[in-house]
Amino acid sequence: MNIYFACSITGGREYESFYRQFVAALEADGHVIPTSHLAKAEALEGERQLSPQDVYERDVNWIRNCDALIAEVSVPSHGVGYEIGYALNEGKPVLCLYQETRRVSKMITGNSHPALKVGSYAVFDDAVAQSHKFLDTL
């Protein structure tokens, strides 16, 4: 399955190790993650090389062509919020995951869109289990 993984880049990288492990788990299950480079420590530097227009065009093209979007939303990010809304508008199923001790925007937790699932996790394995359950329904 082609999965767009969304995570904070300029908004903060405190969950970077989670991003790396999560992307690795998805890839180990055989999924294609076009955004896998964003989980790496050098993501900020790589993104600086591109113009805002190039990033926008690339990312919306990836969203249009994905089967689903999974977003880690523990760290607030304008870009991730936009990607979630864009994916839902394109009719893509979306899973938003966040660390249970974090506060998340009510624009996400209060959204009743039928293609949106939101879940909190205590430990990494909880997040992976939720992603498996979500992907199994597609």
N, C-alpha and C. Protein backbone atom coordinates (compact mmCIF):
# COMPACT_ATOMS: atom_id res chain seq x y z
N MET A 1 0.84 -1.16 0.00
CA MET A 1 0.00 0.00 0.00
C MET A 1 0.90 1.25 0.00
N ASN A 2 0.47 2.29 -0.68
CA ASN A 2 1.20 3.55 -0.74
C ASN A 2 0.65 4.46 0.35
N ILE A 3 1.48 4.75 1.35
CA ILE A 3 1.04 5.52 2.53
C ILE A 3 1.85 6.81 2.64
N TYR A 4 1.13 7.91 2.69
CA TYR A 4 1.75 9.20 2.93
C TYR A 4 1.87 9.36 4.45
N PHE A 5 3.09 9.41 4.95
CA PHE A 5 3.32 9.63 6.38
C PHE A 5 3.59 11.10 6.60
N ALA A 6 2.77 11.74 7.42
CA ALA A 6 2.91 13.16 7.71
C ALA A 6 3.43 13.34 9.13
N CYS A 7 4.41 14.24 9.27
CA CYS A 7 4.99 14.52 10.58
C CYS A 7 5.54 15.93 10.58
N SER A 8 5.74 16.47 11.76
CA SER A 8 6.25 17.82 11.90
C SER A 8 7.69 17.91 11.39
N ILE A 9 7.96 18.95 10.64
CA ILE A 9 9.33 19.22 10.18
C ILE A 9 9.81 20.52 10.81
N THR A 10 9.25 21.64 10.38
CA THR A 10 9.69 22.92 10.93
C THR A 10 9.03 23.24 12.27
N GLY A 11 7.93 22.58 12.59
CA GLY A 11 7.22 22.83 13.85
C GLY A 11 7.92 22.25 15.07
N GLY A 12 8.84 21.34 14.86
CA GLY A 12 9.56 20.71 15.97
C GLY A 12 9.82 19.25 15.66
N ARG A 13 10.98 18.76 16.08
CA ARG A 13 11.40 17.40 15.74
C ARG A 13 11.57 16.52 16.96
N GLU A 14 10.88 16.84 18.06
CA GLU A 14 11.08 16.07 19.29
C GLU A 14 10.63 14.62 19.18
N TYR A 15 9.81 14.28 18.18
CA TYR A 15 9.35 12.90 17.99
C TYR A 15 10.06 12.22 16.82
N GLU A 16 11.20 12.75 16.45
CA GLU A 16 11.94 12.23 15.30
C GLU A 16 12.27 10.74 15.43
N SER A 17 12.65 10.29 16.60
CA SER A 17 12.97 8.86 16.74
C SER A 17 11.72 8.01 16.54
N PHE A 18 10.56 8.51 17.00
CA PHE A 18 9.30 7.81 16.74
C PHE A 18 9.06 7.75 15.24
N TYR A 19 9.22 8.89 14.55
CA TYR A 19 8.99 8.92 13.11
C TYR A 19 9.82 7.85 12.39
N ARG A 20 11.11 7.79 12.74
CA ARG A 20 12.01 6.81 12.09
C ARG A 20 11.53 5.38 12.35
N GLN A 21 11.24 5.06 13.59
CA GLN A 21 10.80 3.70 13.94
C GLN A 21 9.47 3.36 13.28
N PHE A 22 8.57 4.33 13.24
CA PHE A 22 7.25 4.09 12.68
C PHE A 22 7.33 3.85 11.18
N VAL A 23 8.07 4.68 10.49
CA VAL A 23 8.25 4.49 9.04
C VAL A 23 8.91 3.13 8.77
N ALA A 24 9.91 2.79 9.56
CA ALA A 24 10.57 1.49 9.40
C ALA A 24 9.59 0.34 9.59
N ALA A 25 8.69 0.46 10.56
CA ALA A 25 7.69 -0.59 10.80
C ALA A 25 6.73 -0.71 9.62
N LEU A 26 6.30 0.42 9.07
CA LEU A 26 5.42 0.39 7.90
C LEU A 26 6.12 -0.24 6.69
N GLU A 27 7.36 0.15 6.49
CA GLU A 27 8.12 -0.41 5.36
C GLU A 27 8.38 -1.90 5.56
N ALA A 28 8.62 -2.33 6.79
CA ALA A 28 8.83 -3.75 7.08
C ALA A 28 7.58 -4.57 6.75
N ASP A 29 6.41 -3.92 6.83
CA ASP A 29 5.15 -4.58 6.47
C ASP A 29 4.91 -4.57 4.97
N GLY A 30 5.85 -3.99 4.21
CA GLY A 30 5.74 -3.99 2.75
C GLY A 30 5.11 -2.75 2.15
N HIS A 31 4.83 -1.75 2.96
CA HIS A 31 4.21 -0.53 2.45
C HIS A 31 5.26 0.39 1.82
N VAL A 32 4.83 1.19 0.87
CA VAL A 32 5.67 2.21 0.24
C VAL A 32 5.36 3.54 0.91
N ILE A 33 6.39 4.22 1.39
CA ILE A 33 6.24 5.48 2.10
C ILE A 33 7.04 6.55 1.34
N PRO A 34 6.40 7.31 0.45
CA PRO A 34 7.16 8.30 -0.33
C PRO A 34 7.78 9.39 0.54
N THR A 35 7.24 9.59 1.73
CA THR A 35 7.75 10.62 2.63
C THR A 35 8.73 10.06 3.67
N SER A 36 9.26 8.89 3.45
CA SER A 36 10.13 8.25 4.45
C SER A 36 11.33 9.12 4.80
N HIS A 37 11.82 9.91 3.86
CA HIS A 37 12.97 10.77 4.12
C HIS A 37 12.68 11.82 5.20
N LEU A 38 11.40 12.14 5.42
CA LEU A 38 11.05 13.14 6.43
C LEU A 38 11.23 12.63 7.85
N ALA A 39 11.37 11.33 8.01
CA ALA A 39 11.58 10.75 9.33
C ALA A 39 13.05 10.78 9.75
N LYS A 40 13.91 11.17 8.83
CA LYS A 40 15.35 11.16 9.10
C LYS A 40 15.82 12.49 9.67
N ALA A 41 16.94 12.44 10.39
CA ALA A 41 17.50 13.63 11.04
C ALA A 41 17.84 14.72 10.02
N GLU A 42 18.22 14.34 8.84
CA GLU A 42 18.62 15.33 7.83
C GLU A 42 17.44 15.90 7.03
N ALA A 43 16.22 15.61 7.46
CA ALA A 43 15.02 16.08 6.75
C ALA A 43 15.00 17.60 6.61
N LEU A 44 15.31 18.32 7.67
CA LEU A 44 15.27 19.78 7.60
C LEU A 44 16.22 20.31 6.54
N GLU A 45 17.42 19.79 6.52
CA GLU A 45 18.40 20.26 5.54
C GLU A 45 17.96 19.95 4.12
N GLY A 46 17.45 18.77 3.90
CA GLY A 46 17.00 18.39 2.57
C GLY A 46 15.84 19.24 2.09
N GLU A 47 14.92 19.56 2.98
CA GLU A 47 13.77 20.37 2.61
C GLU A 47 14.17 21.82 2.32
N ARG A 48 15.22 22.30 2.98
CA ARG A 48 15.69 23.67 2.74
C ARG A 48 16.18 23.85 1.31
N GLN A 49 16.59 22.77 0.69
CA GLN A 49 17.12 22.83 -0.68
C GLN A 49 16.02 23.10 -1.71
N LEU A 50 14.77 22.86 -1.34
CA LEU A 50 13.65 22.98 -2.26
C LEU A 50 12.88 24.28 -2.04
N SER A 51 12.31 24.79 -3.11
CA SER A 51 11.48 25.98 -2.98
C SER A 51 10.14 25.59 -2.35
N PRO A 52 9.45 26.53 -1.73
CA PRO A 52 8.12 26.23 -1.18
C PRO A 52 7.18 25.66 -2.25
N GLN A 53 7.23 26.20 -3.46
CA GLN A 53 6.38 25.71 -4.54
C GLN A 53 6.71 24.26 -4.88
N ASP A 54 8.00 23.93 -4.91
CA ASP A 54 8.40 22.54 -5.21
C ASP A 54 7.90 21.58 -4.15
N VAL A 55 8.02 21.97 -2.89
CA VAL A 55 7.54 21.12 -1.79
C VAL A 55 6.03 20.93 -1.89
N TYR A 56 5.31 22.02 -2.11
CA TYR A 56 3.86 21.94 -2.22
C TYR A 56 3.44 21.00 -3.36
N GLU A 57 3.99 21.22 -4.54
CA GLU A 57 3.62 20.40 -5.70
C GLU A 57 3.96 18.93 -5.49
N ARG A 58 5.13 18.68 -4.95
CA ARG A 58 5.56 17.30 -4.68
C ARG A 58 4.62 16.63 -3.68
N ASP A 59 4.34 17.33 -2.58
CA ASP A 59 3.56 16.72 -1.51
C ASP A 59 2.10 16.49 -1.91
N VAL A 60 1.48 17.46 -2.58
CA VAL A 60 0.09 17.23 -2.97
C VAL A 60 0.00 16.13 -4.03
N ASN A 61 1.02 16.01 -4.86
CA ASN A 61 1.04 14.91 -5.82
C ASN A 61 1.14 13.57 -5.09
N TRP A 62 1.99 13.49 -4.07
CA TRP A 62 2.09 12.26 -3.28
C TRP A 62 0.77 11.95 -2.59
N ILE A 63 0.11 12.97 -2.06
CA ILE A 63 -1.18 12.73 -1.38
C ILE A 63 -2.21 12.24 -2.39
N ARG A 64 -2.27 12.87 -3.56
CA ARG A 64 -3.23 12.44 -4.59
C ARG A 64 -3.03 10.98 -4.97
N ASN A 65 -1.78 10.52 -4.94
CA ASN A 65 -1.46 9.17 -5.38
C ASN A 65 -1.36 8.14 -4.27
N CYS A 66 -1.58 8.54 -3.04
CA CYS A 66 -1.48 7.59 -1.92
C CYS A 66 -2.80 6.85 -1.73
N ASP A 67 -2.70 5.73 -1.04
CA ASP A 67 -3.89 4.97 -0.66
C ASP A 67 -4.46 5.46 0.66
N ALA A 68 -3.59 6.02 1.51
CA ALA A 68 -4.00 6.50 2.83
C ALA A 68 -2.93 7.45 3.35
N LEU A 69 -3.31 8.28 4.32
CA LEU A 69 -2.38 9.17 4.98
C LEU A 69 -2.40 8.82 6.46
N ILE A 70 -1.21 8.67 7.03
CA ILE A 70 -1.08 8.49 8.48
C ILE A 70 -0.24 9.66 8.98
N ALA A 71 -0.76 10.36 9.98
CA ALA A 71 -0.07 11.53 10.52
C ALA A 71 0.21 11.34 12.00
N GLU A 72 1.43 11.69 12.40
CA GLU A 72 1.76 11.76 13.82
C GLU A 72 1.57 13.22 14.19
N VAL A 73 0.61 13.52 15.07
CA VAL A 73 0.21 14.89 15.34
C VAL A 73 0.52 15.37 16.76
N SER A 74 1.46 14.72 17.43
CA SER A 74 1.82 15.13 18.78
C SER A 74 2.45 16.52 18.82
N VAL A 75 3.16 16.88 17.75
CA VAL A 75 3.79 18.20 17.64
C VAL A 75 2.97 19.03 16.67
N PRO A 76 2.43 20.17 17.10
CA PRO A 76 1.63 21.00 16.20
C PRO A 76 2.41 21.40 14.96
N SER A 77 1.75 21.33 13.81
CA SER A 77 2.39 21.65 12.53
C SER A 77 1.34 22.16 11.56
N HIS A 78 1.55 23.36 11.04
CA HIS A 78 0.64 23.90 10.03
C HIS A 78 0.60 22.98 8.81
N GLY A 79 1.77 22.51 8.40
CA GLY A 79 1.85 21.66 7.21
C GLY A 79 1.09 20.36 7.37
N VAL A 80 1.25 19.71 8.51
CA VAL A 80 0.56 18.44 8.74
C VAL A 80 -0.95 18.66 8.77
N GLY A 81 -1.39 19.72 9.42
CA GLY A 81 -2.82 20.03 9.43
C GLY A 81 -3.36 20.23 8.03
N TYR A 82 -2.60 20.95 7.21
CA TYR A 82 -3.01 21.17 5.83
C TYR A 82 -3.06 19.85 5.06
N GLU A 83 -2.05 19.01 5.25
CA GLU A 83 -2.00 17.72 4.55
C GLU A 83 -3.20 16.85 4.94
N ILE A 84 -3.57 16.86 6.20
CA ILE A 84 -4.73 16.08 6.66
C ILE A 84 -5.99 16.58 5.96
N GLY A 85 -6.21 17.89 5.97
CA GLY A 85 -7.38 18.46 5.32
C GLY A 85 -7.38 18.18 3.82
N TYR A 86 -6.24 18.29 3.19
CA TYR A 86 -6.13 18.05 1.75
C TYR A 86 -6.47 16.60 1.44
N ALA A 87 -5.91 15.68 2.22
CA ALA A 87 -6.17 14.25 1.99
C ALA A 87 -7.65 13.94 2.16
N LEU A 88 -8.27 14.47 3.19
CA LEU A 88 -9.70 14.22 3.40
C LEU A 88 -10.52 14.78 2.24
N ASN A 89 -10.14 15.96 1.76
CA ASN A 89 -10.83 16.57 0.62
C ASN A 89 -10.67 15.72 -0.65
N GLU A 90 -9.56 15.02 -0.74
CA GLU A 90 -9.30 14.12 -1.88
C GLU A 90 -9.96 12.75 -1.70
N GLY A 91 -10.62 12.54 -0.56
CA GLY A 91 -11.30 11.27 -0.31
C GLY A 91 -10.39 10.17 0.21
N LYS A 92 -9.24 10.57 0.75
CA LYS A 92 -8.28 9.59 1.27
C LYS A 92 -8.59 9.26 2.74
N PRO A 93 -8.46 8.00 3.12
CA PRO A 93 -8.58 7.67 4.54
C PRO A 93 -7.37 8.21 5.31
N VAL A 94 -7.63 8.73 6.50
CA VAL A 94 -6.58 9.38 7.30
C VAL A 94 -6.62 8.83 8.72
N LEU A 95 -5.44 8.51 9.23
CA LEU A 95 -5.28 8.14 10.63
C LEU A 95 -4.35 9.15 11.28
N CYS A 96 -4.81 9.79 12.36
CA CYS A 96 -3.98 10.71 13.14
C CYS A 96 -3.65 10.03 14.46
N LEU A 97 -2.38 9.95 14.75
CA LEU A 97 -1.91 9.35 16.00
C LEU A 97 -1.20 10.41 16.82
N TYR A 98 -1.37 10.32 18.15
CA TYR A 98 -0.65 11.24 19.02
C TYR A 98 -0.35 10.58 20.35
N GLN A 99 0.75 11.00 20.95
CA GLN A 99 1.18 10.50 22.24
C GLN A 99 0.15 10.95 23.27
N GLU A 100 -0.36 10.02 24.08
CA GLU A 100 -1.52 10.27 24.93
C GLU A 100 -1.36 11.40 25.93
N THR A 101 -0.15 11.80 26.25
CA THR A 101 0.05 12.89 27.20
C THR A 101 0.02 14.27 26.53
N ARG A 102 -0.09 14.30 25.21
CA ARG A 102 -0.07 15.57 24.46
C ARG A 102 -1.47 16.10 24.23
N ARG A 103 -1.59 17.41 24.18
CA ARG A 103 -2.85 18.05 23.80
C ARG A 103 -2.84 18.23 22.29
N VAL A 104 -3.94 17.90 21.66
CA VAL A 104 -4.04 17.96 20.20
C VAL A 104 -5.20 18.89 19.85
N SER A 105 -5.06 19.58 18.75
CA SER A 105 -6.08 20.52 18.29
C SER A 105 -7.46 19.87 18.21
N LYS A 106 -8.44 20.58 18.67
CA LYS A 106 -9.82 20.10 18.58
C LYS A 106 -10.31 20.07 17.14
N MET A 107 -9.61 20.74 16.24
CA MET A 107 -9.94 20.65 14.82
C MET A 107 -9.67 19.23 14.31
N ILE A 108 -8.82 18.51 14.99
CA ILE A 108 -8.56 17.11 14.63
C ILE A 108 -9.42 16.19 15.49
N THR A 109 -9.34 16.35 16.81
CA THR A 109 -10.07 15.42 17.68
C THR A 109 -11.58 15.59 17.59
N GLY A 110 -12.04 16.76 17.18
CA GLY A 110 -13.48 16.98 17.07
C GLY A 110 -14.05 16.76 15.69
N ASN A 111 -13.20 16.38 14.74
CA ASN A 111 -13.63 16.20 13.35
C ASN A 111 -14.33 14.85 13.20
N SER A 112 -15.57 14.88 12.73
CA SER A 112 -16.35 13.65 12.58
C SER A 112 -16.36 13.11 11.15
N HIS A 113 -15.44 13.58 10.33
CA HIS A 113 -15.37 13.10 8.95
C HIS A 113 -15.27 11.57 8.97
N PRO A 114 -16.06 10.89 8.16
CA PRO A 114 -16.06 9.42 8.19
C PRO A 114 -14.74 8.77 7.76
N ALA A 115 -13.91 9.48 7.02
CA ALA A 115 -12.64 8.91 6.58
C ALA A 115 -11.50 9.17 7.56
N LEU A 116 -11.80 9.89 8.65
CA LEU A 116 -10.77 10.25 9.63
C LEU A 116 -10.88 9.40 10.88
N LYS A 117 -9.76 8.83 11.28
CA LYS A 117 -9.65 8.10 12.55
C LYS A 117 -8.57 8.79 13.36
N VAL A 118 -8.80 8.93 14.65
CA VAL A 118 -7.85 9.58 15.56
C VAL A 118 -7.62 8.66 16.73
N GLY A 119 -6.36 8.48 17.09
CA GLY A 119 -6.05 7.62 18.23
C GLY A 119 -4.83 8.07 18.99
N SER A 120 -4.85 7.87 20.29
CA SER A 120 -3.68 8.17 21.11
C SER A 120 -2.96 6.86 21.42
N TYR A 121 -1.70 6.99 21.75
CA TYR A 121 -0.90 5.82 22.10
C TYR A 121 -0.05 6.13 23.32
N ALA A 122 0.20 5.09 24.12
CA ALA A 122 1.05 5.24 25.29
C ALA A 122 2.49 4.87 24.95
N VAL A 123 2.64 3.81 24.16
CA VAL A 123 3.96 3.34 23.75
C VAL A 123 3.94 3.07 22.25
N PHE A 124 5.11 2.98 21.68
CA PHE A 124 5.28 2.80 20.25
C PHE A 124 4.42 1.65 19.70
N ASP A 125 4.43 0.51 20.38
CA ASP A 125 3.69 -0.65 19.89
C ASP A 125 2.19 -0.38 19.78
N ASP A 126 1.66 0.49 20.64
CA ASP A 126 0.25 0.88 20.54
C ASP A 126 -0.02 1.59 19.22
N ALA A 127 0.88 2.48 18.84
CA ALA A 127 0.72 3.23 17.59
C ALA A 127 0.78 2.29 16.39
N VAL A 128 1.71 1.35 16.41
CA VAL A 128 1.82 0.39 15.32
C VAL A 128 0.57 -0.48 15.24
N ALA A 129 0.07 -0.92 16.38
CA ALA A 129 -1.15 -1.74 16.40
C ALA A 129 -2.34 -0.96 15.83
N GLN A 130 -2.45 0.32 16.17
CA GLN A 130 -3.54 1.12 15.63
C GLN A 130 -3.41 1.31 14.12
N SER A 131 -2.18 1.46 13.65
CA SER A 131 -1.99 1.61 12.21
C SER A 131 -2.35 0.31 11.49
N HIS A 132 -2.01 -0.84 12.07
CA HIS A 132 -2.39 -2.13 11.46
C HIS A 132 -3.91 -2.26 11.37
N LYS A 133 -4.58 -1.92 12.45
CA LYS A 133 -6.04 -2.00 12.49
C LYS A 133 -6.65 -1.08 11.43
N PHE A 134 -6.15 0.15 11.35
CA PHE A 134 -6.61 1.12 10.36
C PHE A 134 -6.39 0.61 8.94
N LEU A 135 -5.19 0.15 8.65
CA LEU A 135 -4.86 -0.30 7.29
C LEU A 135 -5.62 -1.57 6.92
N ASP A 136 -5.89 -2.41 7.89
CA ASP A 136 -6.65 -3.65 7.62
C ASP A 136 -8.09 -3.35 7.18
N THR A 137 -8.60 -2.16 7.51
CA THR A 137 -9.98 -1.82 7.14
C THR A 137 -10.07 -1.24 5.72
N LEU A 138 -8.93 -0.99 5.10
CA LEU A 138 -8.94 -0.35 3.76
C LEU A 138 -9.04 -1.37 2.64
